[in-house]
Amino acid sequence: MGVSEALAKRIAEAERKAQLAADKLKKLKSEQAAREARQRIIEAKQAKAAEDRRIQEVGAVVKRAGLLDLDNTTLLGVLLIAADKLSDLAYLAEARERGALANPAGTAARAEAPRGTA
């Protein structure tokens, strides 16, 4: 076997190994993408479940406040007026105090929550 043939064999072997490595890399990237997609689905389901729980909590608070019988337009108006006043610290403190008096059991768990999360 001449030098050219030996070199050609080494090149062919290197190309075969490079192709195997490329195939393995492609497979690994595909597996990684699938894992990331599954993780995004899990996170989306968790976020949806948390949102659903929060919606149920808010519904219970609306009921407890005696606002459940209001039509949606009026209820939304009441909430928008309240939302406009949230920058008023005195209003916010009074609202928190009145809420604590009406719901003493829920006060400890949510008293320190940032605005918009409690």
C-alpha atoms as a PDB file:
ATOM      1  CA  MET A   1       0.000   0.000   0.000  1.00  0.00           C
ATOM      2  CA  GLY A   2       1.399   3.327  -1.022  1.00  0.00           C
ATOM      3  CA  VAL A   3       1.491   6.555   0.931  1.00  0.00           C
ATOM      4  CA  SER A   4      -1.475   7.901  -1.050  1.00  0.00           C
ATOM      5  CA  GLU A   5      -3.611   4.881  -0.272  1.00  0.00           C
ATOM      6  CA  ALA A   6      -2.732   5.010   3.425  1.00  0.00           C
ATOM      7  CA  LEU A   7      -3.548   8.702   3.530  1.00  0.00           C
ATOM      8  CA  ALA A   8      -6.827   8.111   1.692  1.00  0.00           C
ATOM      9  CA  LYS A   9      -7.743   5.411   4.256  1.00  0.00           C
ATOM     10  CA  ARG A  10      -6.962   7.751   7.150  1.00  0.00           C
ATOM     11  CA  ILE A  11      -9.048  10.491   5.544  1.00  0.00           C
ATOM     12  CA  ALA A  12     -11.954   8.092   4.979  1.00  0.00           C
ATOM     13  CA  GLU A  13     -11.750   6.902   8.609  1.00  0.00           C
ATOM     14  CA  ALA A  14     -11.628  10.483   9.872  1.00  0.00           C
ATOM     15  CA  GLU A  15     -14.661  11.376   7.741  1.00  0.00           C
ATOM     16  CA  ARG A  16     -16.547   8.333   9.080  1.00  0.00           C
ATOM     17  CA  LYS A  17     -15.741   9.344  12.669  1.00  0.00           C
ATOM     18  CA  ALA A  18     -16.719  12.938  11.923  1.00  0.00           C
ATOM     19  CA  GLN A  19     -20.057  11.753  10.511  1.00  0.00           C
ATOM     20  CA  LEU A  20     -20.667   9.572  13.582  1.00  0.00           C
ATOM     21  CA  ALA A  21     -19.860  12.524  15.822  1.00  0.00           C
ATOM     22  CA  ALA A  22     -22.165  14.788  13.788  1.00  0.00           C
ATOM     23  CA  ASP A  23     -24.958  12.219  14.029  1.00  0.00           C
ATOM     24  CA  LYS A  24     -24.448  11.887  17.784  1.00  0.00           C
ATOM     25  CA  LEU A  25     -24.433  15.664  18.192  1.00  0.00           C
ATOM     26  CA  LYS A  26     -27.661  15.946  16.199  1.00  0.00           C
ATOM     27  CA  LYS A  27     -29.286  13.278  18.380  1.00  0.00           C
ATOM     28  CA  LEU A  28     -28.131  14.977  21.597  1.00  0.00           C
ATOM     29  CA  LYS A  29     -29.429  18.363  20.424  1.00  0.00           C
ATOM     30  CA  SER A  30     -32.756  16.753  19.565  1.00  0.00           C
ATOM     31  CA  GLU A  31     -32.964  15.151  23.018  1.00  0.00           C
ATOM     32  CA  GLN A  32     -32.086  18.457  24.653  1.00  0.00           C
ATOM     33  CA  ALA A  33     -34.781  20.278  22.666  1.00  0.00           C
ATOM     34  CA  ALA A  34     -37.329  17.630  23.667  1.00  0.00           C
ATOM     35  CA  ARG A  35     -36.368  17.969  27.354  1.00  0.00           C
ATOM     36  CA  GLU A  36     -36.627  21.743  27.164  1.00  0.00           C
ATOM     37  CA  ALA A  37     -40.038  21.477  25.488  1.00  0.00           C
ATOM     38  CA  ARG A  38     -41.252  19.107  28.220  1.00  0.00           C
ATOM     39  CA  GLN A  39     -39.949  21.522  30.873  1.00  0.00           C
ATOM     40  CA  ARG A  40     -41.760  24.440  29.242  1.00  0.00           C
ATOM     41  CA  ILE A  41     -44.983  22.396  29.231  1.00  0.00           C
ATOM     42  CA  ILE A  42     -44.555  21.543  32.921  1.00  0.00           C
ATOM     43  CA  GLU A  43     -43.877  25.190  33.790  1.00  0.00           C
ATOM     44  CA  ALA A  44     -46.890  26.343  31.764  1.00  0.00           C
ATOM     45  CA  LYS A  45     -49.133  23.819  33.549  1.00  0.00           C
ATOM     46  CA  GLN A  46     -47.793  24.939  36.934  1.00  0.00           C
ATOM     47  CA  ALA A  47     -48.374  28.593  36.065  1.00  0.00           C
ATOM     48  CA  LYS A  48     -51.904  27.797  34.879  1.00  0.00           C
ATOM     49  CA  ALA A  49     -52.646  25.867  38.075  1.00  0.00           C
ATOM     50  CA  ALA A  50     -51.339  28.758  40.193  1.00  0.00           C
ATOM     51  CA  GLU A  51     -53.415  31.215  38.189  1.00  0.00           C
ATOM     52  CA  ASP A  52     -56.516  29.026  38.578  1.00  0.00           C
ATOM     53  CA  ARG A  53     -55.959  28.832  42.350  1.00  0.00           C
ATOM     54  CA  ARG A  54     -55.572  32.595  42.538  1.00  0.00           C
ATOM     55  CA  ILE A  55     -58.755  33.137  40.519  1.00  0.00           C
ATOM     56  CA  GLN A  56     -60.626  30.870  42.931  1.00  0.00           C
ATOM     57  CA  GLU A  57     -59.188  32.787  45.891  1.00  0.00           C
ATOM     58  CA  VAL A  58     -60.220  36.114  44.380  1.00  0.00           C
ATOM     59  CA  GLY A  59     -63.695  34.765  43.697  1.00  0.00           C
ATOM     60  CA  ALA A  60     -63.981  33.745  47.341  1.00  0.00           C
ATOM     61  CA  VAL A  61     -62.847  37.221  48.417  1.00  0.00           C
ATOM     62  CA  VAL A  62     -65.407  38.857  46.118  1.00  0.00           C
ATOM     63  CA  LYS A  63     -68.092  36.656  47.653  1.00  0.00           C
ATOM     64  CA  ARG A  64     -66.901  37.407  51.186  1.00  0.00           C
ATOM     65  CA  ALA A  65     -67.001  41.145  50.435  1.00  0.00           C
ATOM     66  CA  GLY A  66     -70.642  40.814  49.364  1.00  0.00           C
ATOM     67  CA  LEU A  67     -69.913  41.762  45.777  1.00  0.00           C
ATOM     68  CA  LEU A  68     -70.879  38.494  44.135  1.00  0.00           C
ATOM     69  CA  ASP A  69     -74.374  39.703  43.279  1.00  0.00           C
ATOM     70  CA  LEU A  70     -73.109  42.705  41.317  1.00  0.00           C
ATOM     71  CA  ASP A  71     -73.231  42.487  37.552  1.00  0.00           C
ATOM     72  CA  ASN A  72     -69.815  42.141  35.931  1.00  0.00           C
ATOM     73  CA  THR A  73     -69.736  45.707  34.631  1.00  0.00           C
ATOM     74  CA  THR A  74     -70.426  47.213  38.054  1.00  0.00           C
ATOM     75  CA  LEU A  75     -68.002  44.844  39.761  1.00  0.00           C
ATOM     76  CA  LEU A  76     -65.297  45.760  37.269  1.00  0.00           C
ATOM     77  CA  GLY A  77     -65.997  49.444  37.871  1.00  0.00           C
ATOM     78  CA  VAL A  78     -65.700  48.998  41.643  1.00  0.00           C
ATOM     79  CA  LEU A  79     -62.395  47.181  41.205  1.00  0.00           C
ATOM     80  CA  LEU A  80     -61.052  49.778  38.767  1.00  0.00           C
ATOM     81  CA  ILE A  81     -61.883  52.587  41.193  1.00  0.00           C
ATOM     82  CA  ALA A  82     -60.096  50.669  43.947  1.00  0.00           C
ATOM     83  CA  ALA A  83     -57.124  50.012  41.649  1.00  0.00           C
ATOM     84  CA  ASP A  84     -56.830  53.742  40.920  1.00  0.00           C
ATOM     85  CA  LYS A  85     -56.525  54.404  44.649  1.00  0.00           C
ATOM     86  CA  LEU A  86     -53.761  51.855  45.308  1.00  0.00           C
ATOM     87  CA  SER A  87     -51.063  54.510  44.995  1.00  0.00           C
ATOM     88  CA  ASP A  88     -52.616  56.267  48.017  1.00  0.00           C
ATOM     89  CA  LEU A  89     -50.752  54.663  50.933  1.00  0.00           C
ATOM     90  CA  ALA A  90     -53.390  55.712  53.463  1.00  0.00           C
ATOM     91  CA  TYR A  91     -56.123  54.097  51.339  1.00  0.00           C
ATOM     92  CA  LEU A  92     -54.020  50.957  50.969  1.00  0.00           C
ATOM     93  CA  ALA A  93     -53.367  50.781  54.732  1.00  0.00           C
ATOM     94  CA  GLU A  94     -57.081  51.230  55.476  1.00  0.00           C
ATOM     95  CA  ALA A  95     -57.991  48.576  52.927  1.00  0.00           C
ATOM     96  CA  ARG A  96     -55.470  46.137  54.413  1.00  0.00           C
ATOM     97  CA  GLU A  97     -56.751  46.865  57.948  1.00  0.00           C
ATOM     98  CA  ARG A  98     -60.384  46.365  56.962  1.00  0.00           C
ATOM     99  CA  GLY A  99     -59.486  43.173  55.147  1.00  0.00           C
ATOM    100  CA  ALA A 100     -57.614  41.888  58.200  1.00  0.00           C
ATOM    101  CA  LEU A 101     -60.610  42.609  60.418  1.00  0.00           C
ATOM    102  CA  ALA A 102     -62.947  40.805  58.029  1.00  0.00           C
ATOM    103  CA  ASN A 103     -60.605  37.853  57.493  1.00  0.00           C
ATOM    104  CA  PRO A 104     -58.300  37.378  60.512  1.00  0.00           C
ATOM    105  CA  ALA A 105     -57.266  33.853  59.468  1.00  0.00           C
ATOM    106  CA  GLY A 106     -55.978  35.051  56.098  1.00  0.00           C
ATOM    107  CA  THR A 107     -54.073  38.027  57.467  1.00  0.00           C
ATOM    108  CA  ALA A 108     -50.911  36.246  58.573  1.00  0.00           C
ATOM    109  CA  ALA A 109     -50.405  34.409  55.301  1.00  0.00           C
ATOM    110  CA  ARG A 110     -50.849  37.409  53.035  1.00  0.00           C
ATOM    111  CA  ALA A 111     -50.092  40.484  55.172  1.00  0.00           C
ATOM    112  CA  GLU A 112     -46.545  40.892  53.892  1.00  0.00           C
ATOM    113  CA  ALA A 113     -47.208  39.932  50.274  1.00  0.00           C
ATOM    114  CA  PRO A 114     -46.294  42.618  47.727  1.00  0.00           C
ATOM    115  CA  ARG A 115     -49.108  44.646  46.221  1.00  0.00           C
ATOM    116  CA  GLY A 116     -50.798  42.724  43.438  1.00  0.00           C
ATOM    117  CA  THR A 117     -49.916  39.305  44.841  1.00  0.00           C
ATOM    118  CA  ALA A 118     -51.995  39.256  48.006  1.00  0.00           C
END
